[in-house]
Structure formats: structure tokens, C-alpha cells
All heavy atoms as atom14 arrays in JSON, in Angstrom:
{
  "sequence": "LSCVASGSFFQINAMDWYRQAPGMQRELVA",
  "atom14_mask": [
    [1, 1, 1, 1, 1, 1, 1, 1, 0, 0, 0, 0, 0, 0],
    [1, 1, 1, 1, 1, 1, 0, 0, 0, 0, 0, 0, 0, 0],
    [1, 1, 1, 1, 1, 1, 0, 0, 0, 0, 0, 0, 0, 0],
    [1, 1, 1, 1, 1, 1, 1, 0, 0, 0, 0, 0, 0, 0],
    [1, 1, 1, 1, 1, 0, 0, 0, 0, 0, 0, 0, 0, 0],
    [1, 1, 1, 1, 1, 1, 0, 0, 0, 0, 0, 0, 0, 0],
    [1, 1, 1, 1, 0, 0, 0, 0, 0, 0, 0, 0, 0, 0],
    [1, 1, 1, 1, 1, 1, 0, 0, 0, 0, 0, 0, 0, 0],
    [1, 1, 1, 1, 1, 1, 1, 1, 1, 1, 1, 0, 0, 0],
    [1, 1, 1, 1, 1, 1, 1, 1, 1, 1, 1, 0, 0, 0],
    [1, 1, 1, 1, 1, 1, 1, 1, 1, 0, 0, 0, 0, 0],
    [1, 1, 1, 1, 1, 1, 1, 1, 0, 0, 0, 0, 0, 0],
    [1, 1, 1, 1, 1, 1, 1, 1, 0, 0, 0, 0, 0, 0],
    [1, 1, 1, 1, 1, 0, 0, 0, 0, 0, 0, 0, 0, 0],
    [1, 1, 1, 1, 1, 1, 1, 1, 0, 0, 0, 0, 0, 0],
    [1, 1, 1, 1, 1, 1, 1, 1, 0, 0, 0, 0, 0, 0],
    [1, 1, 1, 1, 1, 1, 1, 1, 1, 1, 1, 1, 1, 1],
    [1, 1, 1, 1, 1, 1, 1, 1, 1, 1, 1, 1, 0, 0],
    [1, 1, 1, 1, 1, 1, 1, 1, 1, 1, 1, 0, 0, 0],
    [1, 1, 1, 1, 1, 1, 1, 1, 1, 0, 0, 0, 0, 0],
    [1, 1, 1, 1, 1, 0, 0, 0, 0, 0, 0, 0, 0, 0],
    [1, 1, 1, 1, 1, 1, 1, 0, 0, 0, 0, 0, 0, 0],
    [1, 1, 1, 1, 0, 0, 0, 0, 0, 0, 0, 0, 0, 0],
    [1, 1, 1, 1, 1, 1, 1, 1, 0, 0, 0, 0, 0, 0],
    [1, 1, 1, 1, 1, 1, 1, 1, 1, 0, 0, 0, 0, 0],
    [1, 1, 1, 1, 1, 1, 1, 1, 1, 1, 1, 0, 0, 0],
    [1, 1, 1, 1, 1, 1, 1, 1, 1, 0, 0, 0, 0, 0],
    [1, 1, 1, 1, 1, 1, 1, 1, 0, 0, 0, 0, 0, 0],
    [1, 1, 1, 1, 1, 1, 1, 0, 0, 0, 0, 0, 0, 0],
    [1, 1, 1, 1, 1, 0, 0, 0, 0, 0, 0, 0, 0, 0]
  ],
  "atom14_positions": [
    [[-11.06, 2.37, -0.14], [-9.79, 3.08, -0.47], [-9.36, 2.59, -1.84], [-9.43, 1.44, -2.2], [-8.7, 2.81, 0.53], [-9.05, 3.1, 2.03], [-7.83, 2.91, 2.88], [-9.57, 4.56, 2.19], [0.0, 0.0, 0.0], [0.0, 0.0, 0.0], [0.0, 0.0, 0.0], [0.0, 0.0, 0.0], [0.0, 0.0, 0.0], [0.0, 0.0, 0.0]],
    [[-8.72, 3.52, -2.6], [-8.18, 3.2, -3.89], [-6.7, 3.62, -3.93], [-6.27, 4.54, -3.31], [-8.89, 3.97, -5.02], [-10.27, 3.65, -5.03], [0.0, 0.0, 0.0], [0.0, 0.0, 0.0], [0.0, 0.0, 0.0], [0.0, 0.0, 0.0], [0.0, 0.0, 0.0], [0.0, 0.0, 0.0], [0.0, 0.0, 0.0], [0.0, 0.0, 0.0]],
    [[-5.95, 2.81, -4.73], [-4.53, 3.11, -4.91], [-4.26, 2.94, -6.39], [-4.38, 1.87, -6.94], [-3.64, 2.19, -4.09], [-1.91, 2.46, -4.39], [0.0, 0.0, 0.0], [0.0, 0.0, 0.0], [0.0, 0.0, 0.0], [0.0, 0.0, 0.0], [0.0, 0.0, 0.0], [0.0, 0.0, 0.0], [0.0, 0.0, 0.0], [0.0, 0.0, 0.0]],
    [[-3.92, 4.04, -7.05], [-3.65, 4.03, -8.5], [-2.18, 4.1, -8.77], [-1.47, 5.03, -8.25], [-4.38, 5.22, -9.19], [-4.13, 5.17, -10.66], [-5.87, 5.14, -8.96], [0.0, 0.0, 0.0], [0.0, 0.0, 0.0], [0.0, 0.0, 0.0], [0.0, 0.0, 0.0], [0.0, 0.0, 0.0], [0.0, 0.0, 0.0], [0.0, 0.0, 0.0]],
    [[-1.65, 3.2, -9.61], [-0.27, 3.21, -10.0], [-0.14, 3.9, -11.35], [-0.88, 3.57, -12.27], [0.3, 1.8, -10.08], [0.0, 0.0, 0.0], [0.0, 0.0, 0.0], [0.0, 0.0, 0.0], [0.0, 0.0, 0.0], [0.0, 0.0, 0.0], [0.0, 0.0, 0.0], [0.0, 0.0, 0.0], [0.0, 0.0, 0.0], [0.0, 0.0, 0.0]],
    [[0.79, 4.83, -11.47], [0.97, 5.52, -12.71], [2.45, 5.54, -13.07], [3.35, 5.39, -12.18], [0.45, 6.99, -12.65], [1.17, 7.68, -11.64], [0.0, 0.0, 0.0], [0.0, 0.0, 0.0], [0.0, 0.0, 0.0], [0.0, 0.0, 0.0], [0.0, 0.0, 0.0], [0.0, 0.0, 0.0], [0.0, 0.0, 0.0], [0.0, 0.0, 0.0]],
    [[2.78, 5.74, -14.33], [4.14, 5.73, -14.82], [4.32, 4.61, -15.82], [3.37, 4.03, -16.33], [0.0, 0.0, 0.0], [0.0, 0.0, 0.0], [0.0, 0.0, 0.0], [0.0, 0.0, 0.0], [0.0, 0.0, 0.0], [0.0, 0.0, 0.0], [0.0, 0.0, 0.0], [0.0, 0.0, 0.0], [0.0, 0.0, 0.0], [0.0, 0.0, 0.0]],
    [[5.57, 4.29, -16.06], [5.88, 3.25, -17.07], [6.28, 1.99, -16.35], [7.26, 1.91, -15.62], [7.06, 3.73, -17.95], [6.7, 4.88, -18.71], [0.0, 0.0, 0.0], [0.0, 0.0, 0.0], [0.0, 0.0, 0.0], [0.0, 0.0, 0.0], [0.0, 0.0, 0.0], [0.0, 0.0, 0.0], [0.0, 0.0, 0.0], [0.0, 0.0, 0.0]],
    [[5.48, 0.92, -16.55], [5.78, -0.37, -15.95], [4.97, -1.45, -16.71], [4.03, -1.14, -17.41], [5.41, -0.4, -14.47], [4.01, -0.06, -14.13], [3.04, -1.05, -14.04], [3.61, 1.26, -13.88], [1.71, -0.74, -13.76], [2.29, 1.55, -13.59], [1.37, 0.59, -13.49], [0.0, 0.0, 0.0], [0.0, 0.0, 0.0], [0.0, 0.0, 0.0]],
    [[5.31, -2.68, -16.42], [4.66, -3.83, -17.13], [3.46, -4.31, -16.37], [2.42, -4.55, -16.91], [5.65, -4.91, -17.36], [6.65, -4.67, -18.43], [7.91, -5.31, -18.44], [6.4, -3.79, -19.42], [8.86, -5.08, -19.37], [7.35, -3.51, -20.46], [8.63, -4.19, -20.37], [0.0, 0.0, 0.0], [0.0, 0.0, 0.0], [0.0, 0.0, 0.0]],
    [[3.6, -4.52, -15.04], [2.56, -5.07, -14.24], [2.8, -4.86, -12.76], [3.92, -4.59, -12.35], [2.4, -6.59, -14.51], [3.57, -7.4, -14.07], [3.44, -8.9, -14.4], [2.91, -9.25, -15.44], [3.86, -9.75, -13.48], [0.0, 0.0, 0.0], [0.0, 0.0, 0.0], [0.0, 0.0, 0.0], [0.0, 0.0, 0.0], [0.0, 0.0, 0.0]],
    [[1.71, -4.96, -12.01], [1.8, -5.0, -10.56], [1.85, -6.39, -10.09], [0.95, -7.18, -10.35], [0.56, -4.26, -9.94], [0.57, -2.83, -10.45], [0.64, -4.3, -8.42], [-0.72, -2.03, -10.06], [0.0, 0.0, 0.0], [0.0, 0.0, 0.0], [0.0, 0.0, 0.0], [0.0, 0.0, 0.0], [0.0, 0.0, 0.0], [0.0, 0.0, 0.0]],
    [[2.89, -6.78, -9.36], [3.09, -8.17, -8.93], [2.37, -8.47, -7.62], [1.85, -9.57, -7.48], [4.59, -8.48, -8.76], [5.36, -8.28, -10.01], [4.96, -8.72, -11.11], [6.5, -7.65, -9.94], [0.0, 0.0, 0.0], [0.0, 0.0, 0.0], [0.0, 0.0, 0.0], [0.0, 0.0, 0.0], [0.0, 0.0, 0.0], [0.0, 0.0, 0.0]],
    [[2.37, -7.54, -6.73], [1.77, -7.76, -5.44], [1.24, -6.44, -4.87], [1.76, -5.38, -5.16], [2.73, -8.37, -4.46], [0.0, 0.0, 0.0], [0.0, 0.0, 0.0], [0.0, 0.0, 0.0], [0.0, 0.0, 0.0], [0.0, 0.0, 0.0], [0.0, 0.0, 0.0], [0.0, 0.0, 0.0], [0.0, 0.0, 0.0], [0.0, 0.0, 0.0]],
    [[0.26, -6.5, -3.98], [-0.37, -5.33, -3.44], [-0.58, -5.49, -1.95], [-1.09, -6.49, -1.52], [-1.7, -5.02, -4.11], [-1.6, -4.92, -5.6], [-3.27, -4.77, -6.41], [-3.89, -6.41, -6.1], [0.0, 0.0, 0.0], [0.0, 0.0, 0.0], [0.0, 0.0, 0.0], [0.0, 0.0, 0.0], [0.0, 0.0, 0.0], [0.0, 0.0, 0.0]],
    [[-0.16, -4.5, -1.19], [-0.33, -4.49, 0.24], [-1.07, -3.26, 0.68], [-0.96, -2.23, 0.06], [1.01, -4.58, 1.0], [1.88, -5.7, 0.67], [1.33, -6.76, 0.19], [3.09, -5.61, 0.86], [0.0, 0.0, 0.0], [0.0, 0.0, 0.0], [0.0, 0.0, 0.0], [0.0, 0.0, 0.0], [0.0, 0.0, 0.0], [0.0, 0.0, 0.0]],
    [[-1.75, -3.3, 1.8], [-2.23, -2.15, 2.49], [-1.69, -2.16, 3.96], [-1.8, -3.18, 4.65], [-3.77, -2.12, 2.54], [-4.37, -1.71, 1.23], [-4.88, -2.51, 0.28], [-4.6, -0.38, 0.78], [-5.4, -1.81, -0.76], [-5.22, -0.45, -0.47], [-4.33, 0.9, 1.31], [-5.59, 0.66, -1.22], [-4.65, 2.02, 0.53], [-5.27, 1.89, -0.67]],
    [[-1.14, -1.03, 4.39], [-0.66, -0.83, 5.75], [-1.45, 0.32, 6.35], [-2.1, 1.14, 5.64], [0.78, -0.44, 5.73], [1.76, -1.63, 5.49], [1.97, -2.06, 4.21], [2.46, -2.18, 6.55], [2.83, -3.11, 3.96], [3.37, -3.21, 6.29], [3.55, -3.67, 5.0], [4.46, -4.69, 4.77], [0.0, 0.0, 0.0], [0.0, 0.0, 0.0]],
    [[-1.41, 0.38, 7.69], [-1.97, 1.53, 8.38], [-1.15, 1.84, 9.59], [-0.42, 1.04, 10.09], [-3.45, 1.3, 8.78], [-3.63, 0.24, 9.93], [-5.09, 0.03, 10.2], [-5.3, -0.92, 11.28], [-6.48, -1.44, 11.6], [-7.59, -1.08, 10.9], [-6.57, -2.25, 12.63], [0.0, 0.0, 0.0], [0.0, 0.0, 0.0], [0.0, 0.0, 0.0]],
    [[-1.23, 3.12, 10.0], [-0.44, 3.62, 11.15], [-1.28, 4.58, 11.95], [-1.74, 5.62, 11.47], [0.82, 4.28, 10.67], [1.75, 4.66, 11.81], [3.13, 5.06, 11.3], [3.29, 5.45, 10.18], [4.11, 4.95, 12.18], [0.0, 0.0, 0.0], [0.0, 0.0, 0.0], [0.0, 0.0, 0.0], [0.0, 0.0, 0.0], [0.0, 0.0, 0.0]],
    [[-1.58, 4.21, 13.2], [-2.3, 5.07, 14.12], [-1.25, 5.98, 14.83], [-0.09, 5.63, 14.91], [-3.05, 4.26, 15.16], [0.0, 0.0, 0.0], [0.0, 0.0, 0.0], [0.0, 0.0, 0.0], [0.0, 0.0, 0.0], [0.0, 0.0, 0.0], [0.0, 0.0, 0.0], [0.0, 0.0, 0.0], [0.0, 0.0, 0.0], [0.0, 0.0, 0.0]],
    [[-1.71, 7.13, 15.34], [-0.74, 8.05, 16.0], [-0.02, 7.34, 17.13], [-0.63, 6.72, 17.98], [-1.7, 9.15, 16.53], [-2.84, 9.14, 15.58], [-3.04, 7.71, 15.24], [0.0, 0.0, 0.0], [0.0, 0.0, 0.0], [0.0, 0.0, 0.0], [0.0, 0.0, 0.0], [0.0, 0.0, 0.0], [0.0, 0.0, 0.0], [0.0, 0.0, 0.0]],
    [[1.3, 7.52, 17.19], [2.11, 6.94, 18.24], [2.33, 5.46, 18.16], [2.86, 4.88, 19.09], [0.0, 0.0, 0.0], [0.0, 0.0, 0.0], [0.0, 0.0, 0.0], [0.0, 0.0, 0.0], [0.0, 0.0, 0.0], [0.0, 0.0, 0.0], [0.0, 0.0, 0.0], [0.0, 0.0, 0.0], [0.0, 0.0, 0.0], [0.0, 0.0, 0.0]],
    [[1.87, 4.81, 17.05], [2.01, 3.35, 16.94], [2.83, 3.0, 15.7], [3.06, 3.82, 14.83], [0.62, 2.7, 16.88], [-0.21, 2.98, 18.11], [-1.75, 2.07, 18.12], [-1.14, 0.39, 18.31], [0.0, 0.0, 0.0], [0.0, 0.0, 0.0], [0.0, 0.0, 0.0], [0.0, 0.0, 0.0], [0.0, 0.0, 0.0], [0.0, 0.0, 0.0]],
    [[3.24, 1.75, 15.65], [4.01, 1.26, 14.51], [3.09, 1.06, 13.29], [1.89, 0.77, 13.46], [4.65, -0.08, 14.86], [5.73, -0.02, 15.94], [7.0, 0.62, 15.44], [7.36, 0.49, 14.29], [7.7, 1.27, 16.37], [0.0, 0.0, 0.0], [0.0, 0.0, 0.0], [0.0, 0.0, 0.0], [0.0, 0.0, 0.0], [0.0, 0.0, 0.0]],
    [[3.63, 1.21, 12.1], [2.9, 0.87, 10.92], [2.68, -0.63, 10.89], [3.64, -1.39, 11.1], [3.67, 1.35, 9.69], [2.92, 1.22, 8.4], [3.68, 1.86, 7.21], [3.87, 3.3, 7.41], [4.46, 4.08, 6.55], [4.88, 3.6, 5.42], [4.6, 5.41, 6.84], [0.0, 0.0, 0.0], [0.0, 0.0, 0.0], [0.0, 0.0, 0.0]],
    [[1.47, -1.05, 10.53], [1.13, -2.5, 10.56], [0.51, -2.88, 9.21], [-0.18, -2.13, 8.6], [0.18, -2.77, 11.71], [-1.15, -2.09, 11.61], [-2.18, -2.52, 12.7], [-1.91, -3.55, 13.33], [-3.15, -1.77, 12.93], [0.0, 0.0, 0.0], [0.0, 0.0, 0.0], [0.0, 0.0, 0.0], [0.0, 0.0, 0.0], [0.0, 0.0, 0.0]],
    [[0.77, -4.13, 8.87], [0.19, -4.66, 7.67], [-1.26, -4.99, 7.9], [-1.61, -5.69, 8.9], [0.96, -5.95, 7.25], [0.45, -6.69, 6.0], [0.59, -5.83, 4.76], [1.25, -8.0, 5.81], [0.0, 0.0, 0.0], [0.0, 0.0, 0.0], [0.0, 0.0, 0.0], [0.0, 0.0, 0.0], [0.0, 0.0, 0.0], [0.0, 0.0, 0.0]],
    [[-2.09, -4.55, 7.01], [-3.56, -4.81, 7.14], [-3.98, -5.9, 6.21], [-4.77, -6.84, 6.6], [-4.35, -3.48, 6.81], [-5.85, -3.77, 6.77], [-4.0, -2.42, 7.81], [0.0, 0.0, 0.0], [0.0, 0.0, 0.0], [0.0, 0.0, 0.0], [0.0, 0.0, 0.0], [0.0, 0.0, 0.0], [0.0, 0.0, 0.0], [0.0, 0.0, 0.0]],
    [[-3.52, -5.86, 4.92], [-3.96, -6.84, 3.95], [-2.93, -6.93, 2.84], [-2.28, -5.91, 2.55], [-5.35, -6.53, 3.36], [0.0, 0.0, 0.0], [0.0, 0.0, 0.0], [0.0, 0.0, 0.0], [0.0, 0.0, 0.0], [0.0, 0.0, 0.0], [0.0, 0.0, 0.0], [0.0, 0.0, 0.0], [0.0, 0.0, 0.0], [0.0, 0.0, 0.0]]
  ]
}
């Protein structure tokens, strides 16, 4: 999976990946 940040900014400080299965809470993956 890829996540591209666009727009005007200086830097990305931190990066997370979450996932959500049907009928379940969104959970932190990494």
C-alpha cells in the first residue's frame, strides 16, 4: 500500500496505518 501526501507542507512527522473490517472498530496496524 502507498500513501502520498500532497499540498504545501514542510515535512511528515509521523506515519500510521489503520484498518477497519466490516462491523468492527478501526484499529491501528503500524
